[in-house]
Amino acid sequence: MTTLSASEVQAQFDRLLRRVIAGEEIVITRGHKPVARLVSERQEPKRNMKEVRKAVADLRRLRKQIAARGEKGRITLAEMRSAIAEGRR
């Protein structure tokens, strides 16, 4: 990731745009503080695979718990609220 001032970006915009299209991320600063980020429109957001795997494992565990209840496989309101709260963390 490259960090440049707004005036540097303005002077080199065409060259920087090519770098962004190639996959580089550029942070723009004003007064040494980050104010914007240039990223390719085609870039996928970075995902933490560890978090994704944990979420999938949790969903599989929940599905097994529901299946174990048989025909009564309903979730209580408290369980639903707990799952929603867990998902917001």
C-alpha atoms as a PDB file:
ATOM      1  CA  MET A   1       0.000   0.000   0.000  1.00  0.00           C
ATOM      2  CA  THR A   2       1.335   3.398  -0.995  1.00  0.00           C
ATOM      3  CA  THR A   3       0.627   6.615   0.911  1.00  0.00           C
ATOM      4  CA  LEU A   4       0.737   9.943  -0.935  1.00  0.00           C
ATOM      5  CA  SER A   5      -0.361  13.502  -0.263  1.00  0.00           C
ATOM      6  CA  ALA A   6      -3.293  14.952  -2.171  1.00  0.00           C
ATOM      7  CA  SER A   7      -0.972  17.217  -4.169  1.00  0.00           C
ATOM      8  CA  GLU A   8       1.223  14.249  -5.169  1.00  0.00           C
ATOM      9  CA  VAL A   9      -1.860  12.318  -6.294  1.00  0.00           C
ATOM     10  CA  GLN A  10      -3.082  15.275  -8.320  1.00  0.00           C
ATOM     11  CA  ALA A  11       0.257  15.576 -10.124  1.00  0.00           C
ATOM     12  CA  GLN A  12       0.526  11.823 -10.862  1.00  0.00           C
ATOM     13  CA  PHE A  13      -3.108  10.781 -11.229  1.00  0.00           C
ATOM     14  CA  ASP A  14      -2.853   8.941 -14.571  1.00  0.00           C
ATOM     15  CA  ARG A  15       0.140   6.876 -13.430  1.00  0.00           C
ATOM     16  CA  LEU A  16      -1.471   6.127 -10.065  1.00  0.00           C
ATOM     17  CA  LEU A  17      -4.710   5.100 -11.738  1.00  0.00           C
ATOM     18  CA  ARG A  18      -2.822   2.464 -13.750  1.00  0.00           C
ATOM     19  CA  ARG A  19      -1.242   1.158 -10.528  1.00  0.00           C
ATOM     20  CA  VAL A  20      -4.663   0.950  -8.861  1.00  0.00           C
ATOM     21  CA  ILE A  21      -6.104  -0.939 -11.838  1.00  0.00           C
ATOM     22  CA  ALA A  22      -3.194  -3.374 -11.482  1.00  0.00           C
ATOM     23  CA  GLY A  23      -4.328  -4.070  -7.907  1.00  0.00           C
ATOM     24  CA  GLU A  24      -2.363  -1.625  -5.774  1.00  0.00           C
ATOM     25  CA  GLU A  25      -4.101   0.314  -3.009  1.00  0.00           C
ATOM     26  CA  ILE A  26      -3.182   3.975  -2.508  1.00  0.00           C
ATOM     27  CA  VAL A  27      -3.971   6.034   0.595  1.00  0.00           C
ATOM     28  CA  ILE A  28      -4.322   9.784   0.095  1.00  0.00           C
ATOM     29  CA  THR A  29      -3.352  12.080   2.947  1.00  0.00           C
ATOM     30  CA  ARG A  30      -3.968  15.713   3.731  1.00  0.00           C
ATOM     31  CA  GLY A  31      -1.833  17.217   6.457  1.00  0.00           C
ATOM     32  CA  HIS A  32      -0.307  13.771   7.137  1.00  0.00           C
ATOM     33  CA  LYS A  33      -3.748  12.346   7.973  1.00  0.00           C
ATOM     34  CA  PRO A  34      -5.370   9.660   5.763  1.00  0.00           C
ATOM     35  CA  VAL A  35      -8.476  11.075   4.086  1.00  0.00           C
ATOM     36  CA  ALA A  36      -9.195   8.719   1.170  1.00  0.00           C
ATOM     37  CA  ARG A  37      -8.249   5.406  -0.395  1.00  0.00           C
ATOM     38  CA  LEU A  38      -7.954   4.533  -4.086  1.00  0.00           C
ATOM     39  CA  VAL A  39      -8.805   0.912  -4.838  1.00  0.00           C
ATOM     40  CA  SER A  40      -9.789  -0.893  -7.993  1.00  0.00           C
ATOM     41  CA  GLU A  41     -13.518  -1.298  -8.539  1.00  0.00           C
ATOM     42  CA  ARG A  42     -12.851  -4.925  -9.476  1.00  0.00           C
ATOM     43  CA  GLN A  43     -10.976  -5.725  -6.266  1.00  0.00           C
ATOM     44  CA  GLU A  44     -12.625  -8.217  -3.957  1.00  0.00           C
ATOM     45  CA  PRO A  45     -12.844  -7.165  -0.317  1.00  0.00           C
ATOM     46  CA  LYS A  46     -10.325  -9.009   1.804  1.00  0.00           C
ATOM     47  CA  ARG A  47     -11.949 -11.583   4.032  1.00  0.00           C
ATOM     48  CA  ASN A  48     -10.480 -13.175   7.063  1.00  0.00           C
ATOM     49  CA  MET A  49     -10.739 -16.865   6.155  1.00  0.00           C
ATOM     50  CA  LYS A  50     -10.469 -17.870   9.805  1.00  0.00           C
ATOM     51  CA  GLU A  51     -13.661 -15.917  10.565  1.00  0.00           C
ATOM     52  CA  VAL A  52     -15.436 -17.366   7.529  1.00  0.00           C
ATOM     53  CA  ARG A  53     -14.547 -20.942   8.538  1.00  0.00           C
ATOM     54  CA  LYS A  54     -15.753 -20.311  12.105  1.00  0.00           C
ATOM     55  CA  ALA A  55     -19.066 -18.892  10.844  1.00  0.00           C
ATOM     56  CA  VAL A  56     -19.608 -21.927   8.597  1.00  0.00           C
ATOM     57  CA  ALA A  57     -18.784 -24.308  11.446  1.00  0.00           C
ATOM     58  CA  ASP A  58     -21.199 -22.452  13.743  1.00  0.00           C
ATOM     59  CA  LEU A  59     -23.982 -22.684  11.139  1.00  0.00           C
ATOM     60  CA  ARG A  60     -23.392 -26.417  10.718  1.00  0.00           C
ATOM     61  CA  ARG A  61     -23.490 -26.905  14.497  1.00  0.00           C
ATOM     62  CA  LEU A  62     -26.754 -24.938  14.711  1.00  0.00           C
ATOM     63  CA  ARG A  63     -28.273 -27.002  11.889  1.00  0.00           C
ATOM     64  CA  LYS A  64     -27.392 -30.234  13.755  1.00  0.00           C
ATOM     65  CA  GLN A  65     -28.948 -28.879  16.962  1.00  0.00           C
ATOM     66  CA  ILE A  66     -32.162 -28.018  15.137  1.00  0.00           C
ATOM     67  CA  ALA A  67     -32.268 -31.409  13.397  1.00  0.00           C
ATOM     68  CA  ALA A  68     -31.778 -33.172  16.749  1.00  0.00           C
ATOM     69  CA  ARG A  69     -35.018 -31.613  18.001  1.00  0.00           C
ATOM     70  CA  GLY A  70     -37.017 -33.636  15.510  1.00  0.00           C
ATOM     71  CA  GLU A  71     -40.345 -32.254  14.378  1.00  0.00           C
ATOM     72  CA  LYS A  72     -40.260 -29.688  17.166  1.00  0.00           C
ATOM     73  CA  GLY A  73     -37.219 -28.124  15.465  1.00  0.00           C
ATOM     74  CA  ARG A  74     -38.317 -24.628  16.361  1.00  0.00           C
ATOM     75  CA  ILE A  75     -35.960 -22.063  17.780  1.00  0.00           C
ATOM     76  CA  THR A  76     -37.050 -20.112  20.833  1.00  0.00           C
ATOM     77  CA  LEU A  77     -37.129 -16.327  20.771  1.00  0.00           C
ATOM     78  CA  ALA A  78     -34.252 -16.234  23.267  1.00  0.00           C
ATOM     79  CA  GLU A  79     -32.137 -18.507  21.032  1.00  0.00           C
ATOM     80  CA  MET A  80     -32.906 -16.340  18.001  1.00  0.00           C
ATOM     81  CA  ARG A  81     -31.924 -13.141  19.837  1.00  0.00           C
ATOM     82  CA  SER A  82     -28.747 -14.820  21.067  1.00  0.00           C
ATOM     83  CA  ALA A  83     -27.803 -15.848  17.518  1.00  0.00           C
ATOM     84  CA  ILE A  84     -28.459 -12.333  16.224  1.00  0.00           C
ATOM     85  CA  ALA A  85     -26.345 -10.812  18.990  1.00  0.00           C
ATOM     86  CA  GLU A  86     -23.562 -13.317  18.290  1.00  0.00           C
ATOM     87  CA  GLY A  87     -23.602 -12.373  14.615  1.00  0.00           C
ATOM     88  CA  ARG A  88     -23.127  -8.701  15.441  1.00  0.00           C
ATOM     89  CA  ARG A  89     -19.872  -9.267  17.304  1.00  0.00           C
END
